[in-house]
Structures are given as structure tokens and as C-alpha cells.
Protein backbone atom coordinates (compact mmCIF):
# COMPACT_ATOMS: atom_id res chain seq x y z
CA MET A 1 -0.10 -0.01 0.06
CA LYS A 2 2.78 2.39 0.96
CA ASN A 3 4.36 1.95 -2.53
CA LYS A 4 0.97 2.87 -4.38
CA ILE A 5 0.43 5.93 -2.20
CA GLN A 6 4.03 6.94 -3.06
CA GLU A 7 3.32 6.33 -6.73
CA VAL A 8 0.14 8.64 -6.57
CA GLN A 9 2.10 11.38 -4.73
CA ASN A 10 4.74 11.20 -7.35
CA TYR A 11 2.18 11.41 -10.16
CA PHE A 12 0.83 14.63 -8.53
CA ALA A 13 4.28 16.10 -7.86
CA ASP A 14 5.21 15.67 -11.55
CA LYS A 15 2.04 17.22 -12.66
CA ILE A 16 2.51 20.25 -10.35
CA ALA A 17 6.13 20.54 -11.25
CA ARG A 18 5.34 20.72 -14.86
CA GLY A 19 2.25 23.10 -14.48
CA LEU A 20 -0.20 20.48 -15.76
CA TYR A 21 -3.05 21.86 -13.80
CA LYS A 22 -6.07 24.22 -13.93
CA LYS A 23 -5.54 27.28 -11.59
CA VAL A 24 -8.86 28.01 -9.68
CA LYS A 25 -7.71 30.86 -7.38
CA VAL A 26 -4.71 32.95 -6.87
CA SER A 27 -3.87 34.88 -3.73
CA GLU A 28 -0.78 36.57 -2.28
CA HIS A 29 0.52 33.33 -0.82
CA SER A 30 -0.95 30.50 -2.41
CA ILE A 31 -2.63 29.21 -5.62
CA LYS A 32 -5.48 26.71 -5.60
CA VAL A 33 -5.36 24.22 -8.53
CA THR A 34 -7.22 21.26 -9.83
CA ILE A 35 -5.52 18.21 -11.47
CA ASP A 36 -7.28 15.83 -13.74
CA ASN A 37 -10.58 17.78 -13.14
CA ASP A 38 -11.02 16.19 -9.70
CA TYR A 39 -8.18 16.50 -7.43
CA HIS A 40 -7.73 19.90 -5.60
CA PHE A 41 -4.40 21.22 -4.24
CA CYS A 42 -3.47 24.34 -2.62
CA LEU A 43 0.17 25.32 -3.57
CA TRP A 44 1.90 27.35 -0.73
CA MET A 45 4.13 30.08 -2.41
CA SER A 46 5.54 32.10 0.41
CA ASN A 47 8.84 33.66 -0.32
CA SER A 48 11.03 31.24 -2.28
CA PRO A 49 11.14 27.83 -4.07
CA ASN A 50 12.43 26.56 -0.64
CA ASN A 51 8.96 27.18 0.85
CA PHE A 52 6.97 25.78 -2.13
CA GLU A 53 4.76 22.87 -1.03
CA THR A 54 1.14 21.63 -0.92
CA TRP A 55 -0.72 23.26 1.85
CA ILE A 56 -3.06 20.87 3.60
CA PRO A 57 -5.05 23.68 5.60
CA GLY A 58 -5.71 25.36 2.21
CA GLY A 59 -7.67 22.44 0.88
CA CYS A 60 -5.17 19.88 -0.42
CA PHE A 61 -6.25 16.46 -1.77
CA MET A 62 -3.15 14.92 -0.31
CA PRO A 63 0.24 15.96 0.86
CA VAL A 64 2.92 15.90 -1.81
CA THR A 65 6.69 15.70 -1.42
CA PHE A 66 8.74 17.44 -4.25
CA THR A 67 12.27 16.80 -5.18
CA ASP A 68 14.38 19.86 -5.20
CA GLU A 69 14.07 20.05 -8.92
CA GLN A 70 10.35 19.70 -8.90
CA ARG A 71 10.14 22.35 -6.28
CA GLU A 72 12.12 24.82 -8.28
CA SER A 73 10.15 24.16 -11.59
CA GLY A 74 6.82 24.12 -9.84
CA TYR A 75 7.56 27.38 -8.01
CA LYS A 76 8.64 29.17 -11.18
CA ILE A 77 5.56 28.23 -13.01
CA ALA A 78 3.23 28.97 -10.14
CA LEU A 79 5.03 32.26 -9.68
CA LYS A 80 3.97 33.39 -13.27
CA TYR A 81 0.41 32.81 -12.30
CA GLN A 82 0.68 34.59 -9.18
CA GLN A 83 2.58 37.66 -10.80
CA HIS A 84 -0.03 37.82 -13.49
CA TRP A 85 -2.69 37.94 -10.71
CA ILE A 86 -0.88 40.75 -8.85
CA ASP A 87 -0.45 42.76 -12.16
CA THR A 88 -4.04 42.43 -13.17
CA GLU A 89 -6.76 41.41 -10.78
CA LEU A 90 -5.11 42.75 -7.59
CA ARG A 91 -4.11 45.87 -9.22
CA ASP A 92 -7.62 46.48 -10.52
CA LYS A 93 -9.07 45.90 -7.09
CA GLU A 94 -6.66 48.19 -5.44
CA MET A 95 -7.47 50.91 -8.08
CA ALA A 96 -11.12 50.56 -7.58
CA GLU A 97 -10.64 51.02 -3.75
CA LEU A 98 -8.23 54.01 -4.42
CA LYS A 99 -10.93 55.60 -6.62
CA LYS A 100 -13.54 55.17 -3.99
CA LEU A 101 -11.41 56.96 -1.43
CA GLN A 102 -10.58 59.79 -3.82
CA ASP A 103 -14.28 60.19 -4.58
CA LYS A 104 -15.04 60.20 -0.78
CA TYR A 105 -12.17 62.44 0.11
CA PRO A 106 -11.77 64.88 -2.92
CA GLY A 107 -8.82 67.33 -3.25
């Protein structure tokens, strides 16, 4: 049984490392993704590839252990999604909040 579990974990680690998932939600510190349309993972981004991991409290299907190479690759791919979110959705949200404040407190 342990070998089968390890095989499944390796399957998901490979998919995540290669970016073979659908992103569901992006935030400052994590990305929620779906693999094979059924399996949900929350990828913890934090500050560097060293901290890239699956985050169980974020709604992860199962814990996944990455090799250093998988961790580096997975982080780089997820960072692109996160940066796009920061540059578009987060920026738009913050600009809307700024506009409300400017309208409320003109001059």
C-alpha cells in the first residue's frame, strides 16, 4: 500500500512541477489548482522555492513531497500565475478602492 501511495504522490508532484493543472484561485501566498478535473491542491508560495509545498489547511487532496528540481520548476511556473494575478486582478481591485477613497475625500 505504501508503494501505491508513493506512486500517486509522485504522479501529482510531477503534474504540479510541470504546471499541468487548472488554476482555480490565486492569492498573495497560495494558488489553488485542480489536477485531472477532480483533485484539488493548494500550493503554498510564500517567499521562495524553498517554501513551495502543498498546503493541507488550504484544501489539499493529499500532501505531496517534491524533489528539489520539482520544487524549483513548480515554483517558477506558479510564480508566473501569481505575478499575472498581482499585475491584473489585484491591481484592478486596489485601483477601484483608491478611486472610492478619492471620490469620498476629494482634493
